Amino acid sequence: MSKAVSEKWWVPIVVAIIALVGTIVAAIIGNLPESKPTDSTQVYYRVRVVDSVSRAYVANARVTIELSGNFIVPIEAITDSNGFAILALPPEHVNKPGKLIVEAREYQAFNKFINLSLETLPEVVELEKK
């Protein structure tokens, strides 16, 4: 046996070990439990509160969303001088049931069970005088 051939006996073993390690790593990665993508994108619900007759903006109305099956503090916002309020919805509650409550001095309270889907939430809430 020549000296060049006998000195390279380890090359096929190293190649086999690299292939084996690659196969094991691929198997481990392929068998990891899938993690849910963390969508931390904040979802905002924008609503305008108006007088049902005059269509005037209702300032200082309290807009509340109670999350169904949740024991945390409800989400609240107060309308500005343009009757406008923005509420930040937790992404994990989007497309789940909840309750929308709008209250303002001199107006009847507005209550509605809703699905927290931006496509179905009302953009304008009309309040009636007491």
N, C-alpha and C. Protein backbone atom coordinates (compact mmCIF):
# COMPACT_ATOMS: atom_id res chain seq x y z
N MET A 1 0.84 -1.16 0.00
CA MET A 1 0.00 0.00 0.00
C MET A 1 0.89 1.23 0.00
N SER A 2 0.54 2.21 -0.82
CA SER A 2 1.36 3.40 -0.90
C SER A 2 1.11 4.30 0.30
N LYS A 3 2.08 5.14 0.58
CA LYS A 3 2.01 6.02 1.73
C LYS A 3 0.88 7.06 1.57
N ALA A 4 0.60 7.58 0.36
CA ALA A 4 -0.43 8.59 0.11
C ALA A 4 -1.82 8.02 0.39
N VAL A 5 -2.05 6.76 0.03
CA VAL A 5 -3.35 6.14 0.25
C VAL A 5 -3.55 5.88 1.74
N SER A 6 -2.57 5.42 2.43
CA SER A 6 -2.72 5.09 3.84
C SER A 6 -2.86 6.32 4.72
N GLU A 7 -2.38 7.48 4.29
CA GLU A 7 -2.50 8.69 5.09
C GLU A 7 -3.88 9.34 4.97
N LYS A 8 -4.70 9.00 3.97
CA LYS A 8 -6.00 9.63 3.76
C LYS A 8 -7.15 8.70 4.15
N TRP A 9 -6.90 7.71 4.98
CA TRP A 9 -7.94 6.78 5.41
C TRP A 9 -9.05 7.48 6.19
N TRP A 10 -8.75 8.60 6.81
CA TRP A 10 -9.68 9.30 7.67
C TRP A 10 -10.68 10.17 6.90
N VAL A 11 -10.39 10.48 5.64
CA VAL A 11 -11.27 11.36 4.85
C VAL A 11 -12.67 10.78 4.72
N PRO A 12 -12.87 9.52 4.33
CA PRO A 12 -14.24 9.00 4.24
C PRO A 12 -14.93 8.97 5.60
N ILE A 13 -14.19 8.76 6.66
CA ILE A 13 -14.80 8.74 8.00
C ILE A 13 -15.30 10.13 8.36
N VAL A 14 -14.50 11.17 8.10
CA VAL A 14 -14.91 12.55 8.39
C VAL A 14 -16.14 12.91 7.55
N VAL A 15 -16.16 12.53 6.30
CA VAL A 15 -17.31 12.82 5.44
C VAL A 15 -18.55 12.11 5.98
N ALA A 16 -18.41 10.86 6.42
CA ALA A 16 -19.53 10.11 6.96
C ALA A 16 -20.04 10.76 8.25
N ILE A 17 -19.13 11.22 9.11
CA ILE A 17 -19.53 11.87 10.37
C ILE A 17 -20.27 13.17 10.08
N ILE A 18 -19.77 13.97 9.13
CA ILE A 18 -20.44 15.23 8.77
C ILE A 18 -21.84 14.94 8.23
N ALA A 19 -21.98 13.94 7.39
CA ALA A 19 -23.28 13.57 6.84
C ALA A 19 -24.22 13.10 7.95
N LEU A 20 -23.70 12.31 8.89
CA LEU A 20 -24.51 11.81 10.00
C LEU A 20 -24.98 12.96 10.90
N VAL A 21 -24.08 13.88 11.23
CA VAL A 21 -24.45 15.03 12.06
C VAL A 21 -25.50 15.89 11.33
N GLY A 22 -25.32 16.12 10.04
CA GLY A 22 -26.30 16.89 9.26
C GLY A 22 -27.67 16.22 9.27
N THR A 23 -27.70 14.91 9.15
CA THR A 23 -28.96 14.16 9.16
C THR A 23 -29.64 14.27 10.53
N ILE A 24 -28.86 14.16 11.59
CA ILE A 24 -29.42 14.25 12.94
C ILE A 24 -29.97 15.65 13.20
N VAL A 25 -29.22 16.67 12.82
CA VAL A 25 -29.69 18.05 13.02
C VAL A 25 -30.96 18.30 12.22
N ALA A 26 -31.00 17.84 10.99
CA ALA A 26 -32.21 18.02 10.16
C ALA A 26 -33.41 17.31 10.79
N ALA A 27 -33.19 16.12 11.35
CA ALA A 27 -34.28 15.38 11.98
C ALA A 27 -34.78 16.10 13.23
N ILE A 28 -33.84 16.64 14.01
CA ILE A 28 -34.24 17.36 15.22
C ILE A 28 -35.03 18.60 14.86
N ILE A 29 -34.55 19.36 13.90
CA ILE A 29 -35.24 20.59 13.50
C ILE A 29 -36.61 20.26 12.91
N GLY A 30 -36.69 19.20 12.13
CA GLY A 30 -37.96 18.80 11.53
C GLY A 30 -38.97 18.31 12.54
N ASN A 31 -38.53 17.85 13.70
CA ASN A 31 -39.44 17.32 14.71
C ASN A 31 -39.73 18.28 15.84
N LEU A 32 -39.22 19.50 15.77
CA LEU A 32 -39.52 20.47 16.80
C LEU A 32 -40.99 20.85 16.73
N PRO A 33 -41.63 21.03 17.89
CA PRO A 33 -43.03 21.46 17.84
C PRO A 33 -43.12 22.83 17.20
N GLU A 34 -44.15 22.99 16.38
CA GLU A 34 -44.31 24.28 15.71
C GLU A 34 -44.75 25.32 16.72
N SER A 35 -44.07 26.42 16.71
CA SER A 35 -44.48 27.50 17.60
C SER A 35 -45.38 28.44 16.81
N LYS A 36 -46.37 28.97 17.51
CA LYS A 36 -47.27 29.93 16.86
C LYS A 36 -46.48 31.19 16.56
N PRO A 37 -46.66 31.73 15.38
CA PRO A 37 -45.98 33.00 15.11
C PRO A 37 -46.52 34.06 16.07
N THR A 38 -45.65 34.80 16.65
CA THR A 38 -46.08 35.83 17.58
C THR A 38 -46.40 37.09 16.79
N ASP A 39 -47.68 37.34 16.67
CA ASP A 39 -48.11 38.53 15.96
C ASP A 39 -48.41 39.59 17.00
N SER A 40 -47.42 40.40 17.27
CA SER A 40 -47.60 41.43 18.28
C SER A 40 -48.10 42.73 17.65
N THR A 41 -48.57 42.64 16.43
CA THR A 41 -49.09 43.82 15.77
C THR A 41 -50.33 44.29 16.52
N GLN A 42 -50.29 45.51 17.00
CA GLN A 42 -51.42 46.05 17.75
C GLN A 42 -52.57 46.33 16.79
N VAL A 43 -53.78 46.02 17.24
CA VAL A 43 -54.98 46.25 16.45
C VAL A 43 -55.73 47.42 17.09
N TYR A 44 -56.09 48.40 16.29
CA TYR A 44 -56.77 49.58 16.81
C TYR A 44 -58.19 49.66 16.28
N TYR A 45 -59.12 49.93 17.19
CA TYR A 45 -60.52 50.11 16.84
C TYR A 45 -60.82 51.60 16.98
N ARG A 46 -61.26 52.19 15.88
CA ARG A 46 -61.58 53.62 15.85
C ARG A 46 -63.10 53.78 15.76
N VAL A 47 -63.64 54.60 16.62
CA VAL A 47 -65.09 54.80 16.63
C VAL A 47 -65.38 56.28 16.83
N ARG A 48 -66.46 56.72 16.20
CA ARG A 48 -66.93 58.11 16.37
C ARG A 48 -68.32 58.04 16.99
N VAL A 49 -68.53 58.87 18.01
CA VAL A 49 -69.81 58.90 18.72
C VAL A 49 -70.52 60.19 18.35
N VAL A 50 -71.79 60.05 17.89
CA VAL A 50 -72.56 61.22 17.45
C VAL A 50 -73.95 61.20 18.07
N ASP A 51 -74.56 62.37 18.11
CA ASP A 51 -75.96 62.51 18.53
C ASP A 51 -76.83 61.96 17.41
N SER A 52 -77.79 61.11 17.76
CA SER A 52 -78.59 60.45 16.73
C SER A 52 -79.48 61.40 15.95
N VAL A 53 -79.84 62.54 16.52
CA VAL A 53 -80.72 63.48 15.83
C VAL A 53 -79.92 64.57 15.12
N SER A 54 -79.09 65.28 15.87
CA SER A 54 -78.38 66.42 15.29
C SER A 54 -77.11 66.03 14.54
N ARG A 55 -76.64 64.80 14.75
CA ARG A 55 -75.40 64.28 14.15
C ARG A 55 -74.16 65.03 14.68
N ALA A 56 -74.34 65.79 15.78
CA ALA A 56 -73.21 66.49 16.39
C ALA A 56 -72.31 65.48 17.09
N TYR A 57 -71.03 65.74 17.11
CA TYR A 57 -70.08 64.87 17.79
C TYR A 57 -70.33 64.92 19.29
N VAL A 58 -70.21 63.78 19.95
CA VAL A 58 -70.38 63.71 21.39
C VAL A 58 -69.00 63.58 22.03
N ALA A 59 -68.57 64.66 22.67
CA ALA A 59 -67.26 64.66 23.35
C ALA A 59 -67.40 64.05 24.74
N ASN A 60 -66.31 63.55 25.25
CA ASN A 60 -66.23 62.99 26.61
C ASN A 60 -67.13 61.78 26.85
N ALA A 61 -67.46 61.07 25.79
CA ALA A 61 -68.21 59.82 25.96
C ALA A 61 -67.21 58.71 26.30
N ARG A 62 -67.60 57.83 27.21
CA ARG A 62 -66.75 56.70 27.59
C ARG A 62 -67.08 55.51 26.69
N VAL A 63 -66.09 55.05 25.94
CA VAL A 63 -66.25 53.89 25.05
C VAL A 63 -65.51 52.73 25.72
N THR A 64 -66.25 51.66 25.99
CA THR A 64 -65.68 50.51 26.70
C THR A 64 -65.91 49.25 25.88
N ILE A 65 -64.89 48.41 25.85
CA ILE A 65 -65.04 47.07 25.27
C ILE A 65 -64.72 46.08 26.37
N GLU A 66 -65.73 45.25 26.69
CA GLU A 66 -65.52 44.17 27.65
C GLU A 66 -65.18 42.92 26.85
N LEU A 67 -64.07 42.32 27.19
CA LEU A 67 -63.62 41.12 26.49
C LEU A 67 -64.28 39.90 27.10
N SER A 68 -64.83 39.05 26.26
CA SER A 68 -65.53 37.87 26.71
C SER A 68 -64.57 36.86 27.32
N GLY A 69 -64.97 36.31 28.47
CA GLY A 69 -64.18 35.26 29.10
C GLY A 69 -62.85 35.73 29.62
N ASN A 70 -62.72 37.01 29.87
CA ASN A 70 -61.44 37.54 30.32
C ASN A 70 -61.66 38.30 31.62
N PHE A 71 -60.72 38.15 32.53
CA PHE A 71 -60.87 38.77 33.83
C PHE A 71 -59.96 39.98 34.00
N ILE A 72 -59.49 40.54 32.88
CA ILE A 72 -58.65 41.73 32.98
C ILE A 72 -59.54 42.97 32.90
N VAL A 73 -58.95 44.10 33.16
CA VAL A 73 -59.69 45.36 33.11
C VAL A 73 -60.21 45.58 31.69
N PRO A 74 -61.45 46.04 31.55
CA PRO A 74 -61.97 46.33 30.20
C PRO A 74 -61.13 47.40 29.51
N ILE A 75 -61.22 47.44 28.21
CA ILE A 75 -60.51 48.45 27.42
C ILE A 75 -61.41 49.67 27.32
N GLU A 76 -60.87 50.83 27.65
CA GLU A 76 -61.67 52.05 27.65
C GLU A 76 -60.94 53.20 26.97
N ALA A 77 -61.75 54.11 26.45
CA ALA A 77 -61.23 55.35 25.88
C ALA A 77 -62.32 56.41 26.03
N ILE A 78 -61.92 57.65 26.01
CA ILE A 78 -62.84 58.79 26.09
C ILE A 78 -62.78 59.52 24.75
N THR A 79 -63.95 59.88 24.22
CA THR A 79 -63.97 60.57 22.93
C THR A 79 -63.42 61.99 23.08
N ASP A 80 -62.79 62.46 22.01
CA ASP A 80 -62.26 63.83 21.99
C ASP A 80 -63.36 64.80 21.56
N SER A 81 -63.00 66.02 21.28
CA SER A 81 -63.99 67.04 20.90
C SER A 81 -64.67 66.74 19.57
N ASN A 82 -64.08 65.84 18.78
CA ASN A 82 -64.69 65.42 17.52
C ASN A 82 -65.46 64.11 17.65
N GLY A 83 -65.71 63.68 18.89
CA GLY A 83 -66.46 62.46 19.13
C GLY A 83 -65.69 61.21 18.75
N PHE A 84 -64.39 61.31 18.68
CA PHE A 84 -63.55 60.25 18.16
C PHE A 84 -62.78 59.56 19.29
N ALA A 85 -62.75 58.22 19.29
CA ALA A 85 -61.97 57.46 20.29
C ALA A 85 -61.25 56.32 19.58
N ILE A 86 -60.08 56.00 20.10
CA ILE A 86 -59.29 54.88 19.57
C ILE A 86 -59.00 53.93 20.73
N LEU A 87 -59.30 52.65 20.51
CA LEU A 87 -59.03 51.64 21.52
C LEU A 87 -58.06 50.61 20.95
N ALA A 88 -57.06 50.26 21.73
CA ALA A 88 -56.09 49.25 21.32
C ALA A 88 -56.60 47.89 21.76
N LEU A 89 -56.87 47.02 20.79
CA LEU A 89 -57.37 45.68 21.09
C LEU A 89 -56.20 44.70 21.17
N PRO A 90 -56.18 43.85 22.18
CA PRO A 90 -55.13 42.82 22.22
C PRO A 90 -55.30 41.89 21.03
N PRO A 91 -54.23 41.63 20.28
CA PRO A 91 -54.36 40.80 19.08
C PRO A 91 -54.98 39.44 19.35
N GLU A 92 -54.76 38.88 20.54
CA GLU A 92 -55.31 37.55 20.83
C GLU A 92 -56.82 37.57 21.02
N HIS A 93 -57.44 38.75 21.11
CA HIS A 93 -58.89 38.84 21.27
C HIS A 93 -59.62 39.23 19.99
N VAL A 94 -58.88 39.50 18.93
CA VAL A 94 -59.51 39.84 17.66
C VAL A 94 -60.29 38.63 17.15
N ASN A 95 -61.45 38.87 16.61
CA ASN A 95 -62.38 37.85 16.10
C ASN A 95 -62.99 37.01 17.20
N LYS A 96 -63.04 37.54 18.42
CA LYS A 96 -63.70 36.86 19.53
C LYS A 96 -64.83 37.75 20.03
N PRO A 97 -65.78 37.17 20.76
CA PRO A 97 -66.91 37.97 21.23
C PRO A 97 -66.52 38.96 22.32
N GLY A 98 -67.31 40.01 22.42
CA GLY A 98 -67.12 41.03 23.44
C GLY A 98 -68.37 41.87 23.53
N LYS A 99 -68.29 42.93 24.31
CA LYS A 99 -69.44 43.83 24.46
C LYS A 99 -68.94 45.26 24.33
N LEU A 100 -69.63 46.03 23.49
CA LEU A 100 -69.32 47.45 23.28
C LEU A 100 -70.32 48.27 24.09
N ILE A 101 -69.79 49.16 24.93
CA ILE A 101 -70.62 50.02 25.76
C ILE A 101 -70.16 51.46 25.53
N VAL A 102 -71.13 52.35 25.24
CA VAL A 102 -70.82 53.76 25.06
C VAL A 102 -71.75 54.54 25.99
N GLU A 103 -71.14 55.37 26.85
CA GLU A 103 -71.91 56.14 27.82
C GLU A 103 -71.48 57.61 27.76
N ALA A 104 -72.49 58.48 27.84
CA ALA A 104 -72.21 59.91 27.85
C ALA A 104 -73.30 60.60 28.67
N ARG A 105 -72.91 61.69 29.31
CA ARG A 105 -73.87 62.46 30.09
C ARG A 105 -74.98 62.95 29.17
N GLU A 106 -76.20 62.91 29.66
CA GLU A 106 -77.41 63.36 28.95
C GLU A 106 -77.83 62.42 27.81
N TYR A 107 -77.19 61.24 27.69
CA TYR A 107 -77.54 60.29 26.63
C TYR A 107 -77.84 58.92 27.23
N GLN A 108 -78.68 58.17 26.51
CA GLN A 108 -78.93 56.79 26.90
C GLN A 108 -77.68 55.96 26.56
N ALA A 109 -77.38 55.00 27.43
CA ALA A 109 -76.21 54.15 27.20
C ALA A 109 -76.44 53.26 25.98
N PHE A 110 -75.40 53.03 25.24
CA PHE A 110 -75.41 52.14 24.07
C PHE A 110 -74.70 50.85 24.50
N ASN A 111 -75.38 49.71 24.34
CA ASN A 111 -74.80 48.40 24.66
C ASN A 111 -75.03 47.47 23.47
N LYS A 112 -73.99 46.78 23.09
CA LYS A 112 -74.13 45.85 21.97
C LYS A 112 -73.10 44.72 22.10
N PHE A 113 -73.58 43.48 22.01
CA PHE A 113 -72.65 42.36 21.96
C PHE A 113 -72.09 42.30 20.55
N ILE A 114 -70.79 42.15 20.47
CA ILE A 114 -70.11 42.26 19.18
C ILE A 114 -69.10 41.14 19.01
N ASN A 115 -68.68 40.96 17.78
CA ASN A 115 -67.54 40.14 17.46
C ASN A 115 -66.40 41.12 17.22
N LEU A 116 -65.29 40.93 17.89
CA LEU A 116 -64.19 41.90 17.78
C LEU A 116 -63.44 41.74 16.46
N SER A 117 -64.19 41.88 15.40
CA SER A 117 -63.63 41.85 14.05
C SER A 117 -63.73 43.25 13.49
N LEU A 118 -62.63 43.77 12.99
CA LEU A 118 -62.64 45.15 12.49
C LEU A 118 -63.64 45.35 11.37
N GLU A 119 -63.97 44.26 10.66
CA GLU A 119 -64.94 44.39 9.56
C GLU A 119 -66.36 44.56 10.07
N THR A 120 -66.64 44.11 11.32
CA THR A 120 -68.02 44.16 11.82
C THR A 120 -68.23 45.18 12.93
N LEU A 121 -67.16 45.74 13.48
CA LEU A 121 -67.33 46.74 14.53
C LEU A 121 -67.92 48.03 13.94
N PRO A 122 -68.85 48.65 14.65
CA PRO A 122 -69.41 49.89 14.10
C PRO A 122 -68.37 51.01 14.10
N GLU A 123 -68.38 51.80 13.04
CA GLU A 123 -67.46 52.93 12.95
C GLU A 123 -68.08 54.18 13.56
N VAL A 124 -69.40 54.21 13.58
CA VAL A 124 -70.13 55.34 14.16
C VAL A 124 -71.18 54.77 15.11
N VAL A 125 -71.20 55.32 16.32
CA VAL A 125 -72.22 54.94 17.30
C VAL A 125 -73.11 56.17 17.52
N GLU A 126 -74.41 55.98 17.34
CA GLU A 126 -75.37 57.08 17.51
C GLU A 126 -76.02 56.95 18.88
N LEU A 127 -75.93 58.01 19.66
CA LEU A 127 -76.54 58.03 20.99
C LEU A 127 -77.81 58.85 20.96
N GLU A 128 -78.81 58.38 21.71
CA GLU A 128 -80.07 59.09 21.82
C GLU A 128 -80.11 59.84 23.15
N LYS A 129 -80.69 61.03 23.14
CA LYS A 129 -80.84 61.82 24.36
C LYS A 129 -81.76 61.09 25.34
N LYS A 130 -81.53 61.34 26.64
CA LYS A 130 -82.40 60.76 27.67
C LYS A 130 -83.73 61.44 27.67
